[in-house]
Amino acid sequence: MNFEQLSEKYSELKSPEEMTTGILGNKNQESPFLNMLHTNEAEAKRKYRRMYILYAIGAVAYFFIFILNPDKGLSPAERIAGTSFVFAFAILAVLSLKRFSEINRASFLDSPKQFLRNARKSYSFWNKQQLWLLPVLLFVNAGATLSLLDNFGNLNLLTGILLFQIAFWCLMGFGFFMGKKTWTKKKKPTLQKIETLLLDFEQ
């Protein structure tokens, strides 16, 4: 099923933002919905490129500061903490580069179906690649904990670590909740439209 057929089939469906425009517009004009996706994917590509550069710089900087640095003043805990951050930055850099490459390969004009499949990843709340965020959180948690070992004040070591863990995971839980709330409001409706279009490509 091509875009003209989809345009005709969905001419009666209305966009939440423009109640007079179907999901794909009509066959005599460019699709507002797909053009919006194309624009957002282009912005996402730039975002992931910036993220890759930032995380790569972070990984290299921490590698030199905490691993290759011959300074004997660095304690083993500090070196291990730095190494944990290096792994976290490295994983995030690889994930950002992979996502950038996926978006960069997607061609809106040559393969609309593939473009929609790729765009679906940008609007999905969860995908398999995000499983890599678990080791990232563990590395960041380990690095932050080791960095704070000498900063618990009058608290004994075990109590300080326990309080930090509670604070850290509560903060992560709050971030997850707010992220899900924002996704439901801003991205879920668009994802549902993408899923509808992909279903019609299968017919």
N, C-alpha and C. Protein backbone atom coordinates (compact mmCIF):
# COMPACT_ATOMS: atom_id res chain seq x y z
N MET A 1 0.85 -1.19 0.00
CA MET A 1 0.00 0.00 0.00
C MET A 1 0.89 1.24 0.00
N ASN A 2 0.71 2.14 -1.02
CA ASN A 2 1.54 3.32 -1.11
C ASN A 2 0.93 4.49 -0.36
N PHE A 3 1.64 5.63 -0.36
CA PHE A 3 1.18 6.78 0.42
C PHE A 3 -0.11 7.37 -0.13
N GLU A 4 -0.32 7.31 -1.46
CA GLU A 4 -1.54 7.85 -2.01
C GLU A 4 -2.75 7.05 -1.55
N GLN A 5 -2.60 5.73 -1.54
CA GLN A 5 -3.68 4.88 -1.05
C GLN A 5 -3.95 5.11 0.43
N LEU A 6 -2.85 5.27 1.20
CA LEU A 6 -3.02 5.55 2.62
C LEU A 6 -3.69 6.90 2.83
N SER A 7 -3.35 7.87 1.98
CA SER A 7 -3.94 9.20 2.11
C SER A 7 -5.45 9.14 1.92
N GLU A 8 -5.87 8.37 0.89
CA GLU A 8 -7.29 8.25 0.64
C GLU A 8 -8.00 7.51 1.76
N LYS A 9 -7.35 6.46 2.25
CA LYS A 9 -7.98 5.65 3.28
C LYS A 9 -8.14 6.39 4.58
N TYR A 10 -7.17 7.30 4.89
CA TYR A 10 -7.18 7.98 6.18
C TYR A 10 -7.65 9.43 6.09
N SER A 11 -8.25 9.77 4.99
CA SER A 11 -8.69 11.16 4.84
C SER A 11 -9.74 11.54 5.86
N GLU A 12 -10.47 10.51 6.39
CA GLU A 12 -11.51 10.83 7.37
C GLU A 12 -10.96 10.89 8.80
N LEU A 13 -9.73 10.43 9.03
CA LEU A 13 -9.16 10.47 10.38
C LEU A 13 -8.60 11.85 10.66
N LYS A 14 -8.79 12.37 11.89
CA LYS A 14 -8.40 13.73 12.21
C LYS A 14 -7.23 13.76 13.18
N SER A 15 -6.33 14.71 12.95
CA SER A 15 -5.21 14.92 13.85
C SER A 15 -5.69 15.66 15.08
N PRO A 16 -5.15 15.37 16.32
CA PRO A 16 -5.53 16.10 17.54
C PRO A 16 -5.24 17.58 17.41
N GLU A 17 -4.18 17.93 16.67
CA GLU A 17 -3.83 19.34 16.58
C GLU A 17 -4.66 20.05 15.51
N GLU A 18 -4.96 19.36 14.40
CA GLU A 18 -5.69 19.99 13.31
C GLU A 18 -6.87 19.09 12.96
N MET A 19 -8.06 19.42 13.43
CA MET A 19 -9.22 18.57 13.25
C MET A 19 -9.70 18.55 11.80
N THR A 20 -9.11 19.37 10.95
CA THR A 20 -9.51 19.39 9.55
C THR A 20 -8.52 18.67 8.66
N THR A 21 -7.51 18.02 9.23
CA THR A 21 -6.47 17.36 8.44
C THR A 21 -6.35 15.90 8.83
N GLY A 22 -6.37 15.00 7.85
CA GLY A 22 -6.19 13.58 8.12
C GLY A 22 -4.76 13.30 8.51
N ILE A 23 -4.51 12.09 8.97
CA ILE A 23 -3.16 11.71 9.39
C ILE A 23 -2.16 11.93 8.27
N LEU A 24 -2.55 11.61 7.05
CA LEU A 24 -1.63 11.76 5.93
C LEU A 24 -2.01 12.91 5.01
N GLY A 25 -2.93 13.75 5.41
CA GLY A 25 -3.35 14.84 4.53
C GLY A 25 -4.06 14.27 3.32
N ASN A 26 -3.91 14.88 2.15
CA ASN A 26 -4.47 14.31 0.95
C ASN A 26 -3.38 14.10 -0.09
N LYS A 27 -3.75 13.44 -1.17
CA LYS A 27 -2.72 13.03 -2.12
C LYS A 27 -2.16 14.19 -2.92
N ASN A 28 -2.77 15.36 -2.84
CA ASN A 28 -2.29 16.52 -3.58
C ASN A 28 -1.35 17.39 -2.78
N GLN A 29 -1.07 17.02 -1.54
CA GLN A 29 -0.16 17.80 -0.72
C GLN A 29 0.70 16.89 0.15
N GLU A 30 1.79 17.42 0.66
CA GLU A 30 2.67 16.63 1.49
C GLU A 30 1.98 16.32 2.81
N SER A 31 2.32 15.17 3.39
CA SER A 31 1.71 14.74 4.64
C SER A 31 2.23 15.56 5.81
N PRO A 32 1.35 16.30 6.51
CA PRO A 32 1.80 17.06 7.69
C PRO A 32 2.36 16.15 8.78
N PHE A 33 1.70 15.02 8.98
CA PHE A 33 2.13 14.10 10.04
C PHE A 33 3.50 13.52 9.75
N LEU A 34 3.69 13.02 8.53
CA LEU A 34 4.98 12.42 8.18
C LEU A 34 6.08 13.47 8.08
N ASN A 35 5.73 14.65 7.65
CA ASN A 35 6.72 15.72 7.62
C ASN A 35 7.17 16.08 9.04
N MET A 36 6.20 16.05 9.97
CA MET A 36 6.53 16.32 11.37
C MET A 36 7.48 15.25 11.90
N LEU A 37 7.22 13.99 11.56
CA LEU A 37 8.11 12.90 11.97
C LEU A 37 9.50 13.08 11.39
N HIS A 38 9.54 13.44 10.12
CA HIS A 38 10.82 13.63 9.44
C HIS A 38 11.63 14.75 10.11
N THR A 39 10.96 15.84 10.46
CA THR A 39 11.63 16.96 11.12
C THR A 39 12.15 16.54 12.50
N ASN A 40 11.30 15.81 13.24
CA ASN A 40 11.70 15.38 14.57
C ASN A 40 12.85 14.37 14.54
N GLU A 41 12.85 13.51 13.53
CA GLU A 41 13.95 12.55 13.41
C GLU A 41 15.27 13.26 13.07
N ALA A 42 15.17 14.30 12.24
CA ALA A 42 16.38 15.07 11.92
C ALA A 42 16.94 15.74 13.17
N GLU A 43 16.05 16.26 14.01
CA GLU A 43 16.50 16.88 15.26
C GLU A 43 17.06 15.81 16.20
N ALA A 44 16.42 14.63 16.23
CA ALA A 44 16.92 13.54 17.07
C ALA A 44 18.32 13.11 16.62
N LYS A 45 18.55 13.09 15.31
CA LYS A 45 19.87 12.73 14.80
C LYS A 45 20.94 13.70 15.31
N ARG A 46 20.62 15.00 15.28
CA ARG A 46 21.57 15.99 15.79
C ARG A 46 21.77 15.81 17.29
N LYS A 47 20.69 15.51 18.00
CA LYS A 47 20.79 15.32 19.45
C LYS A 47 21.69 14.14 19.81
N TYR A 48 21.49 13.01 19.13
CA TYR A 48 22.30 11.83 19.43
C TYR A 48 23.75 12.03 19.02
N ARG A 49 24.00 12.81 18.00
CA ARG A 49 25.38 13.12 17.62
C ARG A 49 26.07 13.92 18.72
N ARG A 50 25.35 14.94 19.25
CA ARG A 50 25.92 15.73 20.35
C ARG A 50 26.14 14.87 21.58
N MET A 51 25.19 13.97 21.87
CA MET A 51 25.32 13.11 23.03
C MET A 51 26.52 12.18 22.88
N TYR A 52 26.70 11.63 21.68
CA TYR A 52 27.85 10.74 21.44
C TYR A 52 29.16 11.48 21.69
N ILE A 53 29.27 12.69 21.16
CA ILE A 53 30.51 13.46 21.35
C ILE A 53 30.73 13.74 22.83
N LEU A 54 29.68 14.14 23.54
CA LEU A 54 29.79 14.47 24.96
C LEU A 54 30.22 13.26 25.78
N TYR A 55 29.56 12.11 25.56
CA TYR A 55 29.89 10.91 26.33
C TYR A 55 31.28 10.39 25.97
N ALA A 56 31.65 10.46 24.70
CA ALA A 56 32.98 10.01 24.29
C ALA A 56 34.07 10.86 24.96
N ILE A 57 33.85 12.17 25.00
CA ILE A 57 34.81 13.06 25.67
C ILE A 57 34.87 12.72 27.15
N GLY A 58 33.72 12.47 27.76
CA GLY A 58 33.69 12.11 29.18
C GLY A 58 34.45 10.83 29.46
N ALA A 59 34.26 9.81 28.60
CA ALA A 59 34.94 8.53 28.79
C ALA A 59 36.46 8.70 28.67
N VAL A 60 36.91 9.44 27.66
CA VAL A 60 38.33 9.65 27.46
C VAL A 60 38.93 10.47 28.61
N ALA A 61 38.22 11.51 29.02
CA ALA A 61 38.72 12.36 30.10
C ALA A 61 38.88 11.57 31.40
N TYR A 62 37.87 10.80 31.77
CA TYR A 62 37.95 10.02 33.00
C TYR A 62 39.01 8.93 32.89
N PHE A 63 39.19 8.39 31.68
CA PHE A 63 40.21 7.37 31.50
C PHE A 63 41.60 7.93 31.80
N PHE A 64 41.88 9.11 31.27
CA PHE A 64 43.19 9.72 31.50
C PHE A 64 43.35 10.20 32.94
N ILE A 65 42.27 10.76 33.52
CA ILE A 65 42.36 11.33 34.86
C ILE A 65 42.46 10.27 35.95
N PHE A 66 41.69 9.19 35.80
CA PHE A 66 41.61 8.22 36.90
C PHE A 66 42.31 6.89 36.63
N ILE A 67 42.64 6.58 35.40
CA ILE A 67 43.28 5.30 35.10
C ILE A 67 44.74 5.48 34.70
N LEU A 68 44.99 6.34 33.74
CA LEU A 68 46.37 6.53 33.29
C LEU A 68 47.15 7.52 34.16
N ASN A 69 46.46 8.29 34.93
CA ASN A 69 47.11 9.30 35.77
C ASN A 69 48.08 8.63 36.76
N PRO A 70 49.37 8.96 36.73
CA PRO A 70 50.34 8.33 37.63
C PRO A 70 50.35 8.92 39.04
N ASP A 71 49.50 9.90 39.29
CA ASP A 71 49.47 10.56 40.59
C ASP A 71 49.22 9.54 41.71
N LYS A 72 50.19 9.43 42.62
CA LYS A 72 50.06 8.48 43.73
C LYS A 72 49.05 8.94 44.77
N GLY A 73 48.59 10.19 44.64
CA GLY A 73 47.60 10.69 45.58
C GLY A 73 46.21 10.13 45.35
N LEU A 74 46.00 9.54 44.18
CA LEU A 74 44.70 8.93 43.89
C LEU A 74 44.58 7.60 44.63
N SER A 75 43.54 7.47 45.42
CA SER A 75 43.34 6.23 46.18
C SER A 75 42.76 5.16 45.26
N PRO A 76 42.88 3.88 45.67
CA PRO A 76 42.27 2.80 44.87
C PRO A 76 40.77 3.02 44.66
N ALA A 77 40.09 3.52 45.71
CA ALA A 77 38.65 3.76 45.59
C ALA A 77 38.36 4.81 44.52
N GLU A 78 39.18 5.85 44.46
CA GLU A 78 38.99 6.89 43.46
C GLU A 78 39.25 6.36 42.06
N ARG A 79 40.25 5.51 41.92
CA ARG A 79 40.54 4.94 40.60
C ARG A 79 39.41 4.01 40.16
N ILE A 80 38.90 3.22 41.07
CA ILE A 80 37.78 2.32 40.73
C ILE A 80 36.54 3.13 40.40
N ALA A 81 36.30 4.21 41.15
CA ALA A 81 35.16 5.08 40.87
C ALA A 81 35.29 5.68 39.47
N GLY A 82 36.48 6.16 39.14
CA GLY A 82 36.71 6.73 37.82
C GLY A 82 36.51 5.70 36.72
N THR A 83 36.98 4.47 36.97
CA THR A 83 36.81 3.40 35.99
C THR A 83 35.33 3.09 35.77
N SER A 84 34.55 3.14 36.85
CA SER A 84 33.11 2.92 36.74
C SER A 84 32.46 3.96 35.84
N PHE A 85 32.87 5.22 36.01
CA PHE A 85 32.33 6.29 35.17
C PHE A 85 32.78 6.13 33.71
N VAL A 86 34.00 5.64 33.51
CA VAL A 86 34.48 5.40 32.14
C VAL A 86 33.58 4.38 31.45
N PHE A 87 33.26 3.28 32.13
CA PHE A 87 32.37 2.27 31.55
C PHE A 87 30.99 2.85 31.26
N ALA A 88 30.46 3.65 32.20
CA ALA A 88 29.14 4.24 32.01
C ALA A 88 29.13 5.16 30.79
N PHE A 89 30.14 6.04 30.71
CA PHE A 89 30.23 6.96 29.57
C PHE A 89 30.41 6.19 28.26
N ALA A 90 31.22 5.13 28.29
CA ALA A 90 31.49 4.36 27.07
C ALA A 90 30.21 3.69 26.56
N ILE A 91 29.43 3.11 27.46
CA ILE A 91 28.18 2.47 27.05
C ILE A 91 27.22 3.50 26.46
N LEU A 92 27.09 4.65 27.13
CA LEU A 92 26.20 5.69 26.62
C LEU A 92 26.67 6.22 25.27
N ALA A 93 27.98 6.33 25.10
CA ALA A 93 28.52 6.79 23.81
C ALA A 93 28.18 5.80 22.70
N VAL A 94 28.35 4.51 22.97
CA VAL A 94 28.04 3.48 21.97
C VAL A 94 26.55 3.49 21.62
N LEU A 95 25.69 3.58 22.64
CA LEU A 95 24.25 3.62 22.40
C LEU A 95 23.85 4.84 21.58
N SER A 96 24.44 5.99 21.89
CA SER A 96 24.13 7.22 21.16
C SER A 96 24.59 7.12 19.71
N LEU A 97 25.79 6.56 19.50
CA LEU A 97 26.30 6.40 18.15
C LEU A 97 25.44 5.43 17.35
N LYS A 98 25.01 4.36 17.99
CA LYS A 98 24.17 3.36 17.32
C LYS A 98 22.85 3.98 16.90
N ARG A 99 22.23 4.75 17.79
CA ARG A 99 20.96 5.38 17.45
C ARG A 99 21.14 6.43 16.36
N PHE A 100 22.22 7.20 16.43
CA PHE A 100 22.52 8.18 15.39
C PHE A 100 22.66 7.48 14.04
N SER A 101 23.36 6.35 14.01
CA SER A 101 23.57 5.62 12.76
C SER A 101 22.26 5.08 12.22
N GLU A 102 21.38 4.60 13.10
CA GLU A 102 20.09 4.08 12.66
C GLU A 102 19.26 5.18 12.00
N ILE A 103 19.21 6.34 12.64
CA ILE A 103 18.43 7.44 12.08
C ILE A 103 19.06 7.94 10.79
N ASN A 104 20.38 7.97 10.75
CA ASN A 104 21.08 8.46 9.57
C ASN A 104 20.87 7.55 8.37
N ARG A 105 20.73 6.26 8.62
CA ARG A 105 20.52 5.30 7.53
C ARG A 105 19.09 5.33 7.01
N ALA A 106 18.15 5.71 7.88
CA ALA A 106 16.74 5.70 7.49
C ALA A 106 16.51 6.73 6.38
N SER A 107 15.85 6.33 5.34
CA SER A 107 15.58 7.22 4.21
C SER A 107 14.08 7.41 4.07
N PHE A 108 13.62 8.62 4.31
CA PHE A 108 12.19 8.93 4.23
C PHE A 108 11.65 8.75 2.82
N LEU A 109 12.42 9.12 1.81
CA LEU A 109 11.94 9.07 0.44
C LEU A 109 12.04 7.67 -0.15
N ASP A 110 13.12 6.94 0.17
CA ASP A 110 13.35 5.64 -0.45
C ASP A 110 12.54 4.53 0.20
N SER A 111 12.33 4.60 1.50
CA SER A 111 11.64 3.51 2.20
C SER A 111 10.76 4.07 3.32
N PRO A 112 9.56 4.50 3.00
CA PRO A 112 8.66 5.07 4.01
C PRO A 112 8.36 4.10 5.16
N LYS A 113 8.21 2.83 4.81
CA LYS A 113 7.90 1.83 5.84
C LYS A 113 9.04 1.71 6.83
N GLN A 114 10.28 1.66 6.32
CA GLN A 114 11.43 1.58 7.21
C GLN A 114 11.58 2.85 8.03
N PHE A 115 11.28 3.98 7.41
CA PHE A 115 11.32 5.24 8.14
C PHE A 115 10.36 5.22 9.32
N LEU A 116 9.15 4.72 9.10
CA LEU A 116 8.17 4.65 10.18
C LEU A 116 8.62 3.69 11.27
N ARG A 117 9.21 2.57 10.86
CA ARG A 117 9.72 1.62 11.86
C ARG A 117 10.82 2.25 12.71
N ASN A 118 11.66 3.00 12.07
CA ASN A 118 12.74 3.65 12.80
C ASN A 118 12.19 4.75 13.70
N ALA A 119 11.21 5.52 13.19
CA ALA A 119 10.60 6.58 14.00
C ALA A 119 9.89 6.00 15.20
N ARG A 120 9.36 4.78 15.05
CA ARG A 120 8.66 4.15 16.17
C ARG A 120 9.59 3.98 17.37
N LYS A 121 10.89 3.73 17.12
CA LYS A 121 11.84 3.60 18.21
C LYS A 121 11.97 4.91 18.99
N SER A 122 11.92 6.03 18.27
CA SER A 122 12.07 7.32 18.92
C SER A 122 10.88 7.66 19.81
N TYR A 123 9.72 7.09 19.48
CA TYR A 123 8.51 7.42 20.23
C TYR A 123 8.10 6.33 21.21
N SER A 124 8.80 5.21 21.20
CA SER A 124 8.49 4.14 22.14
C SER A 124 9.08 4.46 23.51
N PHE A 125 8.34 4.12 24.55
CA PHE A 125 8.85 4.37 25.90
C PHE A 125 9.94 3.37 26.27
N TRP A 126 9.84 2.17 25.70
CA TRP A 126 10.80 1.12 26.06
C TRP A 126 11.19 0.33 24.83
N ASN A 127 12.47 0.00 24.71
CA ASN A 127 12.94 -0.92 23.68
C ASN A 127 14.12 -1.70 24.25
N LYS A 128 14.52 -2.75 23.54
CA LYS A 128 15.54 -3.67 24.05
C LYS A 128 16.88 -2.98 24.33
N GLN A 129 17.20 -1.97 23.52
CA GLN A 129 18.48 -1.29 23.72
C GLN A 129 18.56 -0.62 25.08
N GLN A 130 17.42 -0.26 25.63
CA GLN A 130 17.42 0.42 26.92
C GLN A 130 17.79 -0.48 28.08
N LEU A 131 17.86 -1.79 27.83
CA LEU A 131 18.35 -2.70 28.87
C LEU A 131 19.78 -2.33 29.26
N TRP A 132 20.52 -1.72 28.30
CA TRP A 132 21.89 -1.31 28.59
C TRP A 132 21.94 -0.18 29.62
N LEU A 133 20.80 0.46 29.87
CA LEU A 133 20.79 1.53 30.87
C LEU A 133 20.95 0.97 32.28
N LEU A 134 20.60 -0.30 32.47
CA LEU A 134 20.77 -0.91 33.79
C LEU A 134 22.23 -0.97 34.21
N PRO A 135 23.14 -1.53 33.37
CA PRO A 135 24.55 -1.48 33.77
C PRO A 135 25.07 -0.05 33.88
N VAL A 136 24.56 0.87 33.07
CA VAL A 136 24.97 2.27 33.20
C VAL A 136 24.63 2.79 34.59
N LEU A 137 23.41 2.53 35.04
CA LEU A 137 23.00 2.98 36.38
C LEU A 137 23.85 2.33 37.46
N LEU A 138 24.16 1.05 37.28
CA LEU A 138 24.98 0.35 38.28
C LEU A 138 26.40 0.92 38.33
N PHE A 139 26.97 1.22 37.16
CA PHE A 139 28.31 1.81 37.13
C PHE A 139 28.31 3.22 37.75
N VAL A 140 27.30 4.02 37.42
CA VAL A 140 27.21 5.36 37.99
C VAL A 140 27.01 5.29 39.50
N ASN A 141 26.17 4.36 39.91
CA ASN A 141 25.93 4.19 41.35
C ASN A 141 27.21 3.80 42.07
N ALA A 142 27.94 2.84 41.50
CA ALA A 142 29.19 2.40 42.11
C ALA A 142 30.20 3.53 42.16
N GLY A 143 30.34 4.26 41.05
CA GLY A 143 31.30 5.35 41.00
C GLY A 143 30.97 6.46 41.98
N ALA A 144 29.68 6.81 42.06
CA ALA A 144 29.27 7.87 42.98
C ALA A 144 29.45 7.44 44.43
N THR A 145 29.12 6.18 44.71
CA THR A 145 29.26 5.67 46.09
C THR A 145 30.72 5.70 46.53
N LEU A 146 31.61 5.20 45.68
CA LEU A 146 33.03 5.18 46.02
C LEU A 146 33.59 6.60 46.14
N SER A 147 33.07 7.53 45.35
CA SER A 147 33.55 8.91 45.41
C SER A 147 33.16 9.59 46.71
N LEU A 148 32.09 9.08 47.35
CA LEU A 148 31.58 9.73 48.55
C LEU A 148 32.02 9.05 49.85
N LEU A 149 32.85 8.03 49.74
CA LEU A 149 33.23 7.28 50.93
C LEU A 149 33.83 8.16 52.03
N ASP A 150 34.54 9.20 51.64
CA ASP A 150 35.19 10.06 52.63
C ASP A 150 34.37 11.29 52.98
N ASN A 151 33.10 11.30 52.55
CA ASN A 151 32.28 12.49 52.74
C ASN A 151 30.98 12.22 53.50
N PHE A 152 30.97 11.15 54.28
CA PHE A 152 29.77 10.84 55.04
C PHE A 152 29.75 11.50 56.42
N GLY A 153 30.74 12.29 56.72
CA GLY A 153 30.78 13.03 57.98
C GLY A 153 30.80 12.12 59.19
N ASN A 154 29.89 12.39 60.12
CA ASN A 154 29.84 11.62 61.37
C ASN A 154 29.15 10.28 61.22
N LEU A 155 28.57 10.03 60.08
CA LEU A 155 27.89 8.75 59.86
C LEU A 155 28.92 7.65 59.69
N ASN A 156 28.59 6.46 60.20
CA ASN A 156 29.49 5.36 59.94
C ASN A 156 29.35 4.94 58.48
N LEU A 157 30.31 4.21 57.97
CA LEU A 157 30.40 3.91 56.55
C LEU A 157 29.15 3.19 56.04
N LEU A 158 28.69 2.18 56.76
CA LEU A 158 27.55 1.40 56.31
C LEU A 158 26.29 2.26 56.24
N THR A 159 26.08 3.08 57.27
CA THR A 159 24.90 3.95 57.29
C THR A 159 24.94 4.96 56.15
N GLY A 160 26.10 5.53 55.91
CA GLY A 160 26.25 6.49 54.83
C GLY A 160 25.95 5.87 53.47
N ILE A 161 26.49 4.68 53.24
CA ILE A 161 26.25 4.00 51.96
C ILE A 161 24.77 3.67 51.80
N LEU A 162 24.15 3.19 52.90
CA LEU A 162 22.73 2.83 52.84
C LEU A 162 21.86 4.04 52.53
N LEU A 163 22.13 5.17 53.18
CA LEU A 163 21.35 6.39 52.94
C LEU A 163 21.54 6.88 51.50
N PHE A 164 22.76 6.77 51.00
CA PHE A 164 23.01 7.20 49.62
C PHE A 164 22.26 6.31 48.63
N GLN A 165 22.25 4.99 48.90
CA GLN A 165 21.53 4.08 48.01
C GLN A 165 20.04 4.38 47.98
N ILE A 166 19.49 4.66 49.15
CA ILE A 166 18.06 5.00 49.21
C ILE A 166 17.78 6.27 48.40
N ALA A 167 18.62 7.28 48.60
CA ALA A 167 18.44 8.55 47.88
C ALA A 167 18.62 8.36 46.38
N PHE A 168 19.64 7.60 45.99
CA PHE A 168 19.94 7.40 44.57
C PHE A 168 18.79 6.70 43.87
N TRP A 169 18.30 5.59 44.42
CA TRP A 169 17.27 4.82 43.73
C TRP A 169 15.91 5.49 43.82
N CYS A 170 15.68 6.26 44.87
CA CYS A 170 14.44 7.05 44.93
C CYS A 170 14.45 8.11 43.83
N LEU A 171 15.61 8.73 43.62
CA LEU A 171 15.74 9.73 42.56
C LEU A 171 15.54 9.08 41.19
N MET A 172 16.10 7.89 40.99
CA MET A 172 15.91 7.19 39.73
C MET A 172 14.44 6.82 39.52
N GLY A 173 13.78 6.39 40.59
CA GLY A 173 12.36 6.05 40.50
C GLY A 173 11.51 7.26 40.15
N PHE A 174 11.82 8.40 40.75
CA PHE A 174 11.10 9.64 40.46
C PHE A 174 11.32 10.06 39.01
N GLY A 175 12.57 9.92 38.54
CA GLY A 175 12.88 10.24 37.15
C GLY A 175 12.12 9.35 36.19
N PHE A 176 12.02 8.06 36.52
CA PHE A 176 11.26 7.12 35.68
C PHE A 176 9.79 7.52 35.63
N PHE A 177 9.22 7.85 36.78
CA PHE A 177 7.81 8.23 36.85
C PHE A 177 7.54 9.48 36.03
N MET A 178 8.39 10.49 36.16
CA MET A 178 8.19 11.74 35.42
C MET A 178 8.41 11.52 33.92
N GLY A 179 9.38 10.66 33.58
CA GLY A 179 9.61 10.35 32.18
C GLY A 179 8.41 9.66 31.55
N LYS A 180 7.83 8.71 32.29
CA LYS A 180 6.65 7.99 31.78
C LYS A 180 5.46 8.94 31.64
N LYS A 181 5.31 9.85 32.57
CA LYS A 181 4.21 10.82 32.51
C LYS A 181 4.35 11.74 31.30
N THR A 182 5.57 12.21 31.07
CA THR A 182 5.82 13.09 29.93
C THR A 182 5.62 12.33 28.61
N TRP A 183 6.09 11.08 28.55
CA TRP A 183 5.93 10.27 27.34
C TRP A 183 4.45 10.03 27.04
N THR A 184 3.68 9.71 28.06
CA THR A 184 2.25 9.45 27.86
C THR A 184 1.54 10.66 27.27
N LYS A 185 1.94 11.83 27.72
CA LYS A 185 1.29 13.07 27.27
C LYS A 185 1.76 13.51 25.89
N LYS A 186 3.07 13.41 25.62
CA LYS A 186 3.62 14.01 24.41
C LYS A 186 3.91 13.03 23.28
N LYS A 187 4.29 11.80 23.60
CA LYS A 187 4.75 10.89 22.55
C LYS A 187 3.81 9.72 22.28
N LYS A 188 3.04 9.30 23.27
CA LYS A 188 2.19 8.13 23.07
C LYS A 188 1.18 8.32 21.93
N PRO A 189 0.51 9.48 21.83
CA PRO A 189 -0.44 9.66 20.72
C PRO A 189 0.23 9.52 19.35
N THR A 190 1.44 10.05 19.21
CA THR A 190 2.16 9.94 17.95
C THR A 190 2.54 8.49 17.68
N LEU A 191 2.97 7.77 18.70
CA LEU A 191 3.31 6.36 18.54
C LEU A 191 2.10 5.56 18.06
N GLN A 192 0.93 5.88 18.59
CA GLN A 192 -0.28 5.17 18.17
C GLN A 192 -0.58 5.41 16.69
N LYS A 193 -0.34 6.62 16.22
CA LYS A 193 -0.53 6.91 14.80
C LYS A 193 0.46 6.13 13.94
N ILE A 194 1.71 6.07 14.40
CA ILE A 194 2.73 5.33 13.67
C ILE A 194 2.36 3.85 13.59
N GLU A 195 1.89 3.29 14.69
CA GLU A 195 1.48 1.88 14.70
C GLU A 195 0.33 1.65 13.73
N THR A 196 -0.60 2.59 13.66
CA THR A 196 -1.73 2.46 12.75
C THR A 196 -1.26 2.43 11.30
N LEU A 197 -0.34 3.33 10.96
CA LEU A 197 0.19 3.37 9.60
C LEU A 197 0.96 2.10 9.25
N LEU A 198 1.75 1.60 10.19
CA LEU A 198 2.53 0.38 9.93
C LEU A 198 1.61 -0.82 9.73
N LEU A 199 0.50 -0.85 10.45
CA LEU A 199 -0.46 -1.95 10.25
C LEU A 199 -1.00 -1.94 8.84
N ASP A 200 -1.23 -0.75 8.29
CA ASP A 200 -1.76 -0.66 6.94
C ASP A 200 -0.72 -1.03 5.89
N PHE A 201 0.56 -0.84 6.19
CA PHE A 201 1.58 -1.29 5.27
C PHE A 201 1.60 -2.80 5.17
N GLU A 202 1.14 -3.49 6.21
CA GLU A 202 1.14 -4.94 6.21
C GLU A 202 -0.02 -5.51 5.41
N GLN A 203 -1.00 -4.68 5.10
CA GLN A 203 -2.17 -5.17 4.37
C GLN A 203 -1.91 -5.26 2.87
